[in-house]
């Protein structure tokens, strides 16, 4: 949500050092049955979120952790900026506004007063979240603003989240992949169940102001994916813009600049960025368990078809 990289890096690195004093059982708190990182949010913040005033031109990005939301946000920021054609001075003013209002990279991060401060940000606001739909401000799902939902196949999501979880000092680590896998399947992780979130988003698959796009789709053809995103948000760009942004937001380009853009957080956020790495960790039994879970949760739905489970998740 924030272009203010310095603020983000400072906040995350502060959390890293503070975490040395935090016991594993205190790293997460529960809000309405879902776990969240104590370092980044609080029950009071999530309660205050209900008061957020959504604007019709807000750009909302949503997705479960490690589905590629950092990549998507960077891509959408570049698309939005190319459409708006901000001058250097205008861009500086936008970044300074985020600094002054102490913005964080996710809608659910920060202190309870953050939503009042968000009123002072200039339009268009780009808002990113990992929250389940039922925890978002009601006006978002009523169509006040457009929402882009990022999907990723569950096996690669699980593996990526495993590495993230065990490398993030603000989250309790797992002793083994097997221990983590059980928690993932039961939704006992920060931001809850991957499957429950998909079940909820599937209810909005035909909503005119909500668009679903997959990580795999963007990896296969980033320019075509960006054109779909631009059309959805009614951004106007030329062919040269799309090619320039595709190059600037490639995984390799973002990984190379990750220390500069995200500090210590960079190596944790940008690991491999490939499709199919689940095969390195899944046992035969785990593979079959995931297949059953996916089928029981959202098999034969339109959202499942978007994920192309049979293409990306079959051994």
C-alpha atoms as a PDB file:
ATOM      1  CA  UNK A   1       0.000   0.000   0.000  1.00  0.00           C
ATOM      2  CA  UNK A   2       2.924   2.335   0.626  1.00  0.00           C
ATOM      3  CA  UNK A   3       5.424   3.769  -1.866  1.00  0.00           C
ATOM      4  CA  UNK A   4       7.268   5.004   1.212  1.00  0.00           C
ATOM      5  CA  UNK A   5       9.981   2.326   1.140  1.00  0.00           C
ATOM      6  CA  UNK A   6      12.062   3.963   3.872  1.00  0.00           C
ATOM      7  CA  UNK A   7       9.116   3.815   6.272  1.00  0.00           C
ATOM      8  CA  UNK A   8       8.440   0.184   5.376  1.00  0.00           C
ATOM      9  CA  UNK A   9      12.082  -0.877   5.791  1.00  0.00           C
ATOM     10  CA  UNK A  10      12.375   1.011   9.083  1.00  0.00           C
ATOM     11  CA  UNK A  11       9.171  -0.548  10.449  1.00  0.00           C
ATOM     12  CA  UNK A  12      10.080  -4.091   9.420  1.00  0.00           C
ATOM     13  CA  UNK A  13      13.646  -3.886  10.723  1.00  0.00           C
ATOM     14  CA  UNK A  14      12.347  -2.437  13.985  1.00  0.00           C
ATOM     15  CA  UNK A  15      10.010  -5.422  14.260  1.00  0.00           C
ATOM     16  CA  UNK A  16      12.946  -7.756  13.620  1.00  0.00           C
ATOM     17  CA  UNK A  17      14.935  -6.332  16.536  1.00  0.00           C
ATOM     18  CA  UNK A  18      11.903  -6.114  18.840  1.00  0.00           C
ATOM     19  CA  UNK A  19      11.080  -9.725  18.062  1.00  0.00           C
ATOM     20  CA  UNK A  20      14.114 -10.941  19.989  1.00  0.00           C
ATOM     21  CA  UNK A  21      12.129 -10.144  23.143  1.00  0.00           C
ATOM     22  CA  UNK A  22       8.924 -11.869  21.963  1.00  0.00           C
ATOM     23  CA  UNK A  23       8.129 -15.488  22.791  1.00  0.00           C
ATOM     24  CA  UNK A  24       6.726 -17.666  19.957  1.00  0.00           C
ATOM     25  CA  UNK A  25       3.311 -17.917  21.636  1.00  0.00           C
ATOM     26  CA  UNK A  26       3.030 -14.102  21.674  1.00  0.00           C
ATOM     27  CA  UNK A  27       3.932 -13.596  18.003  1.00  0.00           C
ATOM     28  CA  UNK A  28       0.376 -14.165  16.797  1.00  0.00           C
ATOM     29  CA  UNK A  29      -3.013 -12.967  17.997  1.00  0.00           C
ATOM     30  CA  UNK A  30      -6.452 -14.238  17.041  1.00  0.00           C
ATOM     31  CA  UNK A  31      -9.192 -12.030  15.601  1.00  0.00           C
ATOM     32  CA  UNK A  32     -12.513 -13.612  14.694  1.00  0.00           C
ATOM     33  CA  UNK A  33     -10.879 -17.033  14.601  1.00  0.00           C
ATOM     34  CA  UNK A  34      -7.960 -16.076  12.316  1.00  0.00           C
ATOM     35  CA  UNK A  35      -4.327 -15.556  13.366  1.00  0.00           C
ATOM     36  CA  UNK A  36      -2.323 -12.386  12.582  1.00  0.00           C
ATOM     37  CA  UNK A  37       1.240 -11.186  13.375  1.00  0.00           C
ATOM     38  CA  UNK A  38       1.383  -9.192  16.612  1.00  0.00           C
ATOM     39  CA  UNK A  39       4.335  -7.223  15.215  1.00  0.00           C
ATOM     40  CA  UNK A  40       2.279  -5.693  12.414  1.00  0.00           C
ATOM     41  CA  UNK A  41      -1.294  -5.409  13.644  1.00  0.00           C
ATOM     42  CA  UNK A  42      -3.691  -5.746  16.591  1.00  0.00           C
ATOM     43  CA  UNK A  43      -7.350  -6.568  17.296  1.00  0.00           C
ATOM     44  CA  UNK A  44      -7.933  -2.826  17.774  1.00  0.00           C
ATOM     45  CA  UNK A  45      -6.548  -2.074  14.307  1.00  0.00           C
ATOM     46  CA  UNK A  46      -8.741  -4.705  12.671  1.00  0.00           C
ATOM     47  CA  UNK A  47     -11.785  -3.332  14.508  1.00  0.00           C
ATOM     48  CA  UNK A  48     -10.906   0.200  13.369  1.00  0.00           C
ATOM     49  CA  UNK A  49     -10.672  -1.029   9.770  1.00  0.00           C
ATOM     50  CA  UNK A  50     -14.478  -1.184   9.649  1.00  0.00           C
ATOM     51  CA  UNK A  51     -14.502   2.635   9.644  1.00  0.00           C
ATOM     52  CA  UNK A  52     -12.315   2.987   6.544  1.00  0.00           C
ATOM     53  CA  UNK A  53     -13.950   5.175   3.919  1.00  0.00           C
ATOM     54  CA  UNK A  54     -13.447   3.650   0.479  1.00  0.00           C
ATOM     55  CA  UNK A  55     -13.264   5.912  -2.587  1.00  0.00           C
ATOM     56  CA  UNK A  56     -14.670   4.919  -5.958  1.00  0.00           C
ATOM     57  CA  UNK A  57     -11.230   5.328  -7.575  1.00  0.00           C
ATOM     58  CA  UNK A  58      -9.337   3.269  -4.975  1.00  0.00           C
ATOM     59  CA  UNK A  59      -7.344   0.412  -6.500  1.00  0.00           C
ATOM     60  CA  UNK A  60      -7.730  -2.646  -4.240  1.00  0.00           C
ATOM     61  CA  UNK A  61      -5.330  -5.605  -4.514  1.00  0.00           C
ATOM     62  CA  UNK A  62      -6.056  -8.783  -2.557  1.00  0.00           C
ATOM     63  CA  UNK A  63      -4.499 -12.216  -2.166  1.00  0.00           C
ATOM     64  CA  UNK A  64      -3.377 -14.824   0.339  1.00  0.00           C
ATOM     65  CA  UNK A  65       0.241 -14.429   1.573  1.00  0.00           C
ATOM     66  CA  UNK A  66       2.949 -15.600  -0.852  1.00  0.00           C
ATOM     67  CA  UNK A  67       0.686 -15.671  -3.886  1.00  0.00           C
ATOM     68  CA  UNK A  68       2.775 -12.898  -5.469  1.00  0.00           C
ATOM     69  CA  UNK A  69       1.155  -9.805  -3.980  1.00  0.00           C
ATOM     70  CA  UNK A  70       4.397  -7.783  -3.733  1.00  0.00           C
ATOM     71  CA  UNK A  71       5.070  -8.427  -7.414  1.00  0.00           C
ATOM     72  CA  UNK A  72       1.496  -7.571  -8.363  1.00  0.00           C
ATOM     73  CA  UNK A  73       1.529  -4.361  -6.343  1.00  0.00           C
ATOM     74  CA  UNK A  74       4.719  -3.170  -8.012  1.00  0.00           C
ATOM     75  CA  UNK A  75       3.256  -3.980 -11.416  1.00  0.00           C
ATOM     76  CA  UNK A  76      -0.008  -2.150 -10.697  1.00  0.00           C
ATOM     77  CA  UNK A  77       1.834   0.875  -9.293  1.00  0.00           C
ATOM     78  CA  UNK A  78       3.813   1.136 -12.514  1.00  0.00           C
ATOM     79  CA  UNK A  79       0.657   0.768 -14.624  1.00  0.00           C
ATOM     80  CA  UNK A  80      -1.198   3.383 -12.580  1.00  0.00           C
ATOM     81  CA  UNK A  81       1.708   5.840 -12.750  1.00  0.00           C
ATOM     82  CA  UNK A  82       2.056   5.391 -16.512  1.00  0.00           C
ATOM     83  CA  UNK A  83      -1.653   6.098 -16.933  1.00  0.00           C
ATOM     84  CA  UNK A  84      -1.650   9.124 -14.595  1.00  0.00           C
ATOM     85  CA  UNK A  85       1.556  10.542 -16.124  1.00  0.00           C
ATOM     86  CA  UNK A  86       2.617  12.108 -12.821  1.00  0.00           C
ATOM     87  CA  UNK A  87       5.255  14.804 -12.999  1.00  0.00           C
ATOM     88  CA  UNK A  88       8.350  14.346 -10.862  1.00  0.00           C
ATOM     89  CA  UNK A  89       6.933  16.892  -8.415  1.00  0.00           C
ATOM     90  CA  UNK A  90       3.561  15.126  -8.205  1.00  0.00           C
ATOM     91  CA  UNK A  91       5.221  11.782  -7.525  1.00  0.00           C
ATOM     92  CA  UNK A  92       7.351  13.373  -4.822  1.00  0.00           C
ATOM     93  CA  UNK A  93       4.207  14.809  -3.200  1.00  0.00           C
ATOM     94  CA  UNK A  94       2.520  11.394  -3.228  1.00  0.00           C
ATOM     95  CA  UNK A  95       5.511   9.706  -1.583  1.00  0.00           C
ATOM     96  CA  UNK A  96       5.786  12.480   1.006  1.00  0.00           C
ATOM     97  CA  UNK A  97       2.085  12.123   1.841  1.00  0.00           C
ATOM     98  CA  UNK A  98       2.632   8.434   2.603  1.00  0.00           C
ATOM     99  CA  UNK A  99       5.636   9.322   4.764  1.00  0.00           C
ATOM    100  CA  UNK A 100       3.709  11.959   6.691  1.00  0.00           C
ATOM    101  CA  UNK A 101       0.729   9.667   7.290  1.00  0.00           C
ATOM    102  CA  UNK A 102       2.991   6.730   8.250  1.00  0.00           C
ATOM    103  CA  UNK A 103       1.518   4.256   5.796  1.00  0.00           C
ATOM    104  CA  UNK A 104       2.278   0.527   5.817  1.00  0.00           C
ATOM    105  CA  UNK A 105       2.426  -1.971   2.916  1.00  0.00           C
ATOM    106  CA  UNK A 106      -0.786  -3.814   3.872  1.00  0.00           C
ATOM    107  CA  UNK A 107      -4.243  -2.506   4.719  1.00  0.00           C
ATOM    108  CA  UNK A 108      -4.334  -4.486   7.975  1.00  0.00           C
ATOM    109  CA  UNK A 109      -0.944  -3.236   9.250  1.00  0.00           C
ATOM    110  CA  UNK A 110      -0.358  -0.369  11.657  1.00  0.00           C
ATOM    111  CA  UNK A 111      -2.062   1.344  14.570  1.00  0.00           C
ATOM    112  CA  UNK A 112      -5.839   1.900  14.844  1.00  0.00           C
ATOM    113  CA  UNK A 113      -5.472   5.536  13.761  1.00  0.00           C
ATOM    114  CA  UNK A 114      -4.071   4.627  10.346  1.00  0.00           C
ATOM    115  CA  UNK A 115      -7.496   4.597   8.650  1.00  0.00           C
ATOM    116  CA  UNK A 116      -8.219   8.157   9.724  1.00  0.00           C
ATOM    117  CA  UNK A 117      -4.822   9.207   8.341  1.00  0.00           C
ATOM    118  CA  UNK A 118      -5.565   7.457   5.048  1.00  0.00           C
ATOM    119  CA  UNK A 119      -8.206  10.122   4.364  1.00  0.00           C
ATOM    120  CA  UNK A 120      -5.363  12.575   3.780  1.00  0.00           C
ATOM    121  CA  UNK A 121      -3.770  10.529   0.982  1.00  0.00           C
ATOM    122  CA  UNK A 122      -4.290  11.782  -2.579  1.00  0.00           C
ATOM    123  CA  UNK A 123      -6.243   9.690  -5.077  1.00  0.00           C
ATOM    124  CA  UNK A 124      -5.737   7.156  -6.564  1.00  0.00           C
ATOM    125  CA  UNK A 125      -4.880   5.120  -3.494  1.00  0.00           C
ATOM    126  CA  UNK A 126      -3.447   1.656  -4.132  1.00  0.00           C
ATOM    127  CA  UNK A 127      -4.491  -0.587  -1.246  1.00  0.00           C
ATOM    128  CA  UNK A 128      -3.102  -4.111  -0.754  1.00  0.00           C
ATOM    129  CA  UNK A 129      -4.385  -6.741   1.654  1.00  0.00           C
ATOM    130  CA  UNK A 130      -4.153 -10.418   2.630  1.00  0.00           C
ATOM    131  CA  UNK A 131      -7.464 -10.343   4.509  1.00  0.00           C
ATOM    132  CA  UNK A 132     -10.364 -12.721   3.914  1.00  0.00           C
ATOM    133  CA  UNK A 133     -13.235 -10.952   2.107  1.00  0.00           C
ATOM    134  CA  UNK A 134     -15.567 -10.946   5.131  1.00  0.00           C
ATOM    135  CA  UNK A 135     -13.051  -8.839   7.077  1.00  0.00           C
ATOM    136  CA  UNK A 136     -12.788  -6.106   4.446  1.00  0.00           C
ATOM    137  CA  UNK A 137     -14.814  -2.893   4.786  1.00  0.00           C
ATOM    138  CA  UNK A 138     -18.342  -3.665   3.585  1.00  0.00           C
ATOM    139  CA  UNK A 139     -18.286  -0.982   0.873  1.00  0.00           C
ATOM    140  CA  UNK A 140     -15.431  -2.767  -0.951  1.00  0.00           C
ATOM    141  CA  UNK A 141     -17.488  -5.876  -1.650  1.00  0.00           C
ATOM    142  CA  UNK A 142     -20.542  -3.764  -2.440  1.00  0.00           C
ATOM    143  CA  UNK A 143     -18.704  -2.424  -5.463  1.00  0.00           C
ATOM    144  CA  UNK A 144     -17.566   0.996  -4.232  1.00  0.00           C
ATOM    145  CA  UNK A 145     -14.125   0.353  -5.763  1.00  0.00           C
ATOM    146  CA  UNK A 146     -12.588  -2.224  -8.086  1.00  0.00           C
ATOM    147  CA  UNK A 147     -10.772  -5.212  -6.572  1.00  0.00           C
ATOM    148  CA  UNK A 148      -8.071  -7.312  -8.246  1.00  0.00           C
ATOM    149  CA  UNK A 149      -7.650 -10.710  -6.576  1.00  0.00           C
ATOM    150  CA  UNK A 150      -4.404 -12.630  -7.128  1.00  0.00           C
ATOM    151  CA  UNK A 151      -4.608 -16.431  -7.126  1.00  0.00           C
ATOM    152  CA  UNK A 152      -1.804 -18.995  -6.999  1.00  0.00           C
ATOM    153  CA  UNK A 153      -1.879 -22.772  -6.975  1.00  0.00           C
ATOM    154  CA  UNK A 154      -1.982 -24.081  -3.378  1.00  0.00           C
ATOM    155  CA  UNK A 155       1.091 -26.307  -3.577  1.00  0.00           C
ATOM    156  CA  UNK A 156       3.503 -23.565  -4.624  1.00  0.00           C
ATOM    157  CA  UNK A 157       1.781 -21.159  -2.221  1.00  0.00           C
ATOM    158  CA  UNK A 158       2.308 -23.606   0.654  1.00  0.00           C
ATOM    159  CA  UNK A 159       6.016 -24.060  -0.126  1.00  0.00           C
ATOM    160  CA  UNK A 160       6.659 -20.339  -0.579  1.00  0.00           C
ATOM    161  CA  UNK A 161       4.834 -19.541   2.666  1.00  0.00           C
ATOM    162  CA  UNK A 162       6.827 -22.239   4.482  1.00  0.00           C
ATOM    163  CA  UNK A 163      10.146 -20.600   3.600  1.00  0.00           C
ATOM    164  CA  UNK A 164       8.720 -17.167   4.423  1.00  0.00           C
ATOM    165  CA  UNK A 165       7.399 -18.346   7.779  1.00  0.00           C
ATOM    166  CA  UNK A 166      10.691 -19.930   8.828  1.00  0.00           C
ATOM    167  CA  UNK A 167      12.744 -16.907   7.799  1.00  0.00           C
ATOM    168  CA  UNK A 168      10.555 -14.135   9.222  1.00  0.00           C
ATOM    169  CA  UNK A 169      11.669 -13.398  12.797  1.00  0.00           C
ATOM    170  CA  UNK A 170       8.217 -11.966  13.595  1.00  0.00           C
ATOM    171  CA  UNK A 171       6.541 -15.341  12.958  1.00  0.00           C
ATOM    172  CA  UNK A 172       6.916 -18.561  14.992  1.00  0.00           C
ATOM    173  CA  UNK A 173       9.022 -21.027  12.999  1.00  0.00           C
ATOM    174  CA  UNK A 174       8.262 -24.702  12.417  1.00  0.00           C
ATOM    175  CA  UNK A 175      10.599 -27.575  13.306  1.00  0.00           C
ATOM    176  CA  UNK A 176       9.933 -29.349  10.011  1.00  0.00           C
ATOM    177  CA  UNK A 177       8.089 -29.175   6.705  1.00  0.00           C
ATOM    178  CA  UNK A 178       5.716 -31.893   7.934  1.00  0.00           C
ATOM    179  CA  UNK A 179       4.759 -29.849  10.997  1.00  0.00           C
ATOM    180  CA  UNK A 180       4.185 -26.780   8.823  1.00  0.00           C
ATOM    181  CA  UNK A 181       2.177 -28.732   6.228  1.00  0.00           C
ATOM    182  CA  UNK A 182      -0.303 -29.858   8.898  1.00  0.00           C
ATOM    183  CA  UNK A 183      -0.734 -26.230  10.023  1.00  0.00           C
ATOM    184  CA  UNK A 184      -1.248 -25.044   6.432  1.00  0.00           C
ATOM    185  CA  UNK A 185      -3.881 -27.688   5.758  1.00  0.00           C
ATOM    186  CA  UNK A 186      -5.728 -26.747   8.961  1.00  0.00           C
ATOM    187  CA  UNK A 187      -5.437 -22.978   8.514  1.00  0.00           C
ATOM    188  CA  UNK A 188      -3.383 -22.567  11.698  1.00  0.00           C
ATOM    189  CA  UNK A 189      -1.096 -19.900  10.218  1.00  0.00           C
ATOM    190  CA  UNK A 190      -1.062 -16.112  10.051  1.00  0.00           C
ATOM    191  CA  UNK A 191      -3.979 -15.000   7.832  1.00  0.00           C
ATOM    192  CA  UNK A 192      -5.723 -18.315   8.319  1.00  0.00           C
ATOM    193  CA  UNK A 193      -6.787 -20.879   5.763  1.00  0.00           C
ATOM    194  CA  UNK A 194      -5.807 -20.599   2.103  1.00  0.00           C
ATOM    195  CA  UNK A 195      -8.782 -22.788   1.213  1.00  0.00           C
ATOM    196  CA  UNK A 196     -11.329 -20.835   3.251  1.00  0.00           C
ATOM    197  CA  UNK A 197     -10.172 -17.634   1.582  1.00  0.00           C
ATOM    198  CA  UNK A 198     -10.648 -19.153  -1.875  1.00  0.00           C
ATOM    199  CA  UNK A 199     -14.107 -20.418  -0.970  1.00  0.00           C
ATOM    200  CA  UNK A 200     -15.043 -16.862   0.016  1.00  0.00           C
ATOM    201  CA  UNK A 201     -13.592 -15.236  -3.102  1.00  0.00           C
ATOM    202  CA  UNK A 202     -15.383 -17.758  -5.295  1.00  0.00           C
ATOM    203  CA  UNK A 203     -18.650 -16.103  -4.257  1.00  0.00           C
ATOM    204  CA  UNK A 204     -17.499 -12.978  -6.106  1.00  0.00           C
ATOM    205  CA  UNK A 205     -16.164 -14.628  -9.264  1.00  0.00           C
ATOM    206  CA  UNK A 206     -18.842 -12.974 -11.443  1.00  0.00           C
ATOM    207  CA  UNK A 207     -18.886  -9.606  -9.660  1.00  0.00           C
ATOM    208  CA  UNK A 208     -18.441  -6.841 -12.239  1.00  0.00           C
ATOM    209  CA  UNK A 209     -16.026  -4.889 -10.041  1.00  0.00           C
ATOM    210  CA  UNK A 210     -13.926  -7.846  -8.897  1.00  0.00           C
ATOM    211  CA  UNK A 211     -11.386  -9.474 -11.218  1.00  0.00           C
ATOM    212  CA  UNK A 212      -9.383 -12.647 -10.561  1.00  0.00           C
ATOM    213  CA  UNK A 213      -5.980 -13.224 -12.134  1.00  0.00           C
ATOM    214  CA  UNK A 214      -3.457 -15.969 -11.412  1.00  0.00           C
ATOM    215  CA  UNK A 215       0.232 -15.774 -10.576  1.00  0.00           C
ATOM    216  CA  UNK A 216       0.887 -18.469 -13.174  1.00  0.00           C
ATOM    217  CA  UNK A 217      -0.957 -16.488 -15.842  1.00  0.00           C
ATOM    218  CA  UNK A 218       1.190 -13.433 -15.109  1.00  0.00           C
ATOM    219  CA  UNK A 219       4.376 -15.520 -15.174  1.00  0.00           C
ATOM    220  CA  UNK A 220       3.497 -17.128 -18.506  1.00  0.00           C
ATOM    221  CA  UNK A 221       2.680 -13.869 -20.277  1.00  0.00           C
ATOM    222  CA  UNK A 222       3.241 -10.755 -18.139  1.00  0.00           C
ATOM    223  CA  UNK A 223       2.414  -8.312 -20.928  1.00  0.00           C
ATOM    224  CA  UNK A 224      -0.934  -9.949 -21.693  1.00  0.00           C
ATOM    225  CA  UNK A 225      -1.657 -10.103 -17.948  1.00  0.00           C
ATOM    226  CA  UNK A 226      -0.849  -6.413 -17.539  1.00  0.00           C
ATOM    227  CA  UNK A 227      -3.104  -5.528 -20.456  1.00  0.00           C
ATOM    228  CA  UNK A 228      -5.995  -7.331 -18.737  1.00  0.00           C
ATOM    229  CA  UNK A 229      -5.261  -5.477 -15.497  1.00  0.00           C
ATOM    230  CA  UNK A 230      -5.034  -2.123 -17.272  1.00  0.00           C
ATOM    231  CA  UNK A 231      -8.335  -2.737 -19.056  1.00  0.00           C
ATOM    232  CA  UNK A 232     -10.027  -3.674 -15.775  1.00  0.00           C
ATOM    233  CA  UNK A 233      -8.876  -0.508 -13.991  1.00  0.00           C
ATOM    234  CA  UNK A 234      -9.346   1.578 -17.161  1.00  0.00           C
ATOM    235  CA  UNK A 235      -5.692   2.572 -17.354  1.00  0.00           C
ATOM    236  CA  UNK A 236      -4.558   3.828 -20.750  1.00  0.00           C
ATOM    237  CA  UNK A 237      -1.023   2.805 -21.778  1.00  0.00           C
ATOM    238  CA  UNK A 238       0.792   2.288 -25.051  1.00  0.00           C
ATOM    239  CA  UNK A 239       2.677  -0.833 -26.141  1.00  0.00           C
ATOM    240  CA  UNK A 240       6.022   0.642 -25.158  1.00  0.00           C
ATOM    241  CA  UNK A 241       4.773   1.206 -21.600  1.00  0.00           C
ATOM    242  CA  UNK A 242       3.793  -2.452 -21.204  1.00  0.00           C
ATOM    243  CA  UNK A 243       7.172  -3.709 -22.399  1.00  0.00           C
ATOM    244  CA  UNK A 244       9.060  -1.249 -20.186  1.00  0.00           C
ATOM    245  CA  UNK A 245       7.025  -2.214 -17.102  1.00  0.00           C
ATOM    246  CA  UNK A 246       7.359  -5.944 -17.835  1.00  0.00           C
ATOM    247  CA  UNK A 247      11.139  -5.553 -17.840  1.00  0.00           C
ATOM    248  CA  UNK A 248      11.199  -3.361 -14.728  1.00  0.00           C
ATOM    249  CA  UNK A 249       8.918  -5.676 -12.713  1.00  0.00           C
ATOM    250  CA  UNK A 250      10.381  -9.021 -13.756  1.00  0.00           C
ATOM    251  CA  UNK A 251      11.183 -11.241 -10.773  1.00  0.00           C
ATOM    252  CA  UNK A 252      14.905 -11.068 -11.487  1.00  0.00           C
ATOM    253  CA  UNK A 253      14.902  -7.267 -11.696  1.00  0.00           C
ATOM    254  CA  UNK A 254      12.960  -6.962  -8.438  1.00  0.00           C
ATOM    255  CA  UNK A 255      15.151  -9.528  -6.663  1.00  0.00           C
ATOM    256  CA  UNK A 256      18.311  -7.654  -7.686  1.00  0.00           C
ATOM    257  CA  UNK A 257      16.918  -4.443  -6.149  1.00  0.00           C
ATOM    258  CA  UNK A 258      15.276  -6.111  -3.131  1.00  0.00           C
ATOM    259  CA  UNK A 259      17.896  -4.957  -0.597  1.00  0.00           C
ATOM    260  CA  UNK A 260      17.413  -1.384  -1.761  1.00  0.00           C
ATOM    261  CA  UNK A 261      13.602  -1.574  -1.803  1.00  0.00           C
ATOM    262  CA  UNK A 262      12.946  -3.830   1.209  1.00  0.00           C
ATOM    263  CA  UNK A 263      16.134  -3.909   3.326  1.00  0.00           C
ATOM    264  CA  UNK A 264      16.644  -7.134   5.325  1.00  0.00           C
ATOM    265  CA  UNK A 265      13.166  -8.128   4.240  1.00  0.00           C
ATOM    266  CA  UNK A 266      14.270  -8.391   0.580  1.00  0.00           C
ATOM    267  CA  UNK A 267      15.848 -11.852   0.656  1.00  0.00           C
ATOM    268  CA  UNK A 268      12.804 -13.220   2.489  1.00  0.00           C
ATOM    269  CA  UNK A 269      10.282 -11.727   0.067  1.00  0.00           C
ATOM    270  CA  UNK A 270      12.037 -12.561  -3.184  1.00  0.00           C
ATOM    271  CA  UNK A 271      13.237 -16.168  -3.057  1.00  0.00           C
ATOM    272  CA  UNK A 272      12.720 -18.128  -6.310  1.00  0.00           C
ATOM    273  CA  UNK A 273       9.601 -16.834  -8.024  1.00  0.00           C
ATOM    274  CA  UNK A 274       9.098 -20.011 -10.067  1.00  0.00           C
ATOM    275  CA  UNK A 275       6.185 -22.348 -10.747  1.00  0.00           C
ATOM    276  CA  UNK A 276       6.433 -26.003  -9.652  1.00  0.00           C
ATOM    277  CA  UNK A 277       8.842 -25.813  -6.690  1.00  0.00           C
ATOM    278  CA  UNK A 278       6.323 -27.771  -4.572  1.00  0.00           C
ATOM    279  CA  UNK A 279       7.738 -31.002  -6.027  1.00  0.00           C
ATOM    280  CA  UNK A 280      10.893 -30.508  -3.934  1.00  0.00           C
ATOM    281  CA  UNK A 281       9.047 -30.876  -0.619  1.00  0.00           C
ATOM    282  CA  UNK A 282       5.724 -32.677  -1.021  1.00  0.00           C
ATOM    283  CA  UNK A 283       5.616 -36.369  -0.125  1.00  0.00           C
ATOM    284  CA  UNK A 284       3.287 -38.681  -2.065  1.00  0.00           C
ATOM    285  CA  UNK A 285       0.837 -38.718   0.865  1.00  0.00           C
ATOM    286  CA  UNK A 286       0.898 -34.915   1.183  1.00  0.00           C
ATOM    287  CA  UNK A 287       0.378 -34.534  -2.545  1.00  0.00           C
ATOM    288  CA  UNK A 288      -2.705 -36.748  -2.411  1.00  0.00           C
ATOM    289  CA  UNK A 289      -4.010 -35.002   0.713  1.00  0.00           C
ATOM    290  CA  UNK A 290      -3.743 -31.604  -0.993  1.00  0.00           C
ATOM    291  CA  UNK A 291      -5.504 -32.942  -4.101  1.00  0.00           C
ATOM    292  CA  UNK A 292      -8.434 -34.127  -1.969  1.00  0.00           C
ATOM    293  CA  UNK A 293      -8.587 -30.879   0.012  1.00  0.00           C
ATOM    294  CA  UNK A 294      -8.650 -28.741  -3.121  1.00  0.00           C
ATOM    295  CA  UNK A 295     -11.341 -30.879  -4.731  1.00  0.00           C
ATOM    296  CA  UNK A 296     -13.479 -30.863  -1.583  1.00  0.00           C
ATOM    297  CA  UNK A 297     -13.082 -27.094  -1.100  1.00  0.00           C
ATOM    298  CA  UNK A 298     -13.461 -25.526  -4.515  1.00  0.00           C
ATOM    299  CA  UNK A 299     -13.227 -28.306  -7.106  1.00  0.00           C
ATOM    300  CA  UNK A 300     -15.413 -27.727 -10.186  1.00  0.00           C
ATOM    301  CA  UNK A 301     -15.851 -24.014  -9.450  1.00  0.00           C
ATOM    302  CA  UNK A 302     -15.003 -21.146 -11.823  1.00  0.00           C
ATOM    303  CA  UNK A 303     -12.267 -20.026  -9.454  1.00  0.00           C
ATOM    304  CA  UNK A 304     -10.690 -23.496  -9.500  1.00  0.00           C
ATOM    305  CA  UNK A 305     -10.654 -23.317 -13.298  1.00  0.00           C
ATOM    306  CA  UNK A 306      -8.710 -20.023 -13.073  1.00  0.00           C
ATOM    307  CA  UNK A 307      -6.041 -21.729 -10.942  1.00  0.00           C
ATOM    308  CA  UNK A 308      -5.612 -24.591 -13.473  1.00  0.00           C
ATOM    309  CA  UNK A 309      -4.927 -27.116 -10.728  1.00  0.00           C
ATOM    310  CA  UNK A 310      -4.560 -30.042 -13.136  1.00  0.00           C
ATOM    311  CA  UNK A 311      -1.875 -28.155 -15.058  1.00  0.00           C
ATOM    312  CA  UNK A 312       0.245 -26.922 -12.144  1.00  0.00           C
ATOM    313  CA  UNK A 313      -0.465 -29.316  -9.269  1.00  0.00           C
ATOM    314  CA  UNK A 314      -0.372 -32.810 -10.696  1.00  0.00           C
ATOM    315  CA  UNK A 315       2.794 -34.846 -10.175  1.00  0.00           C
END
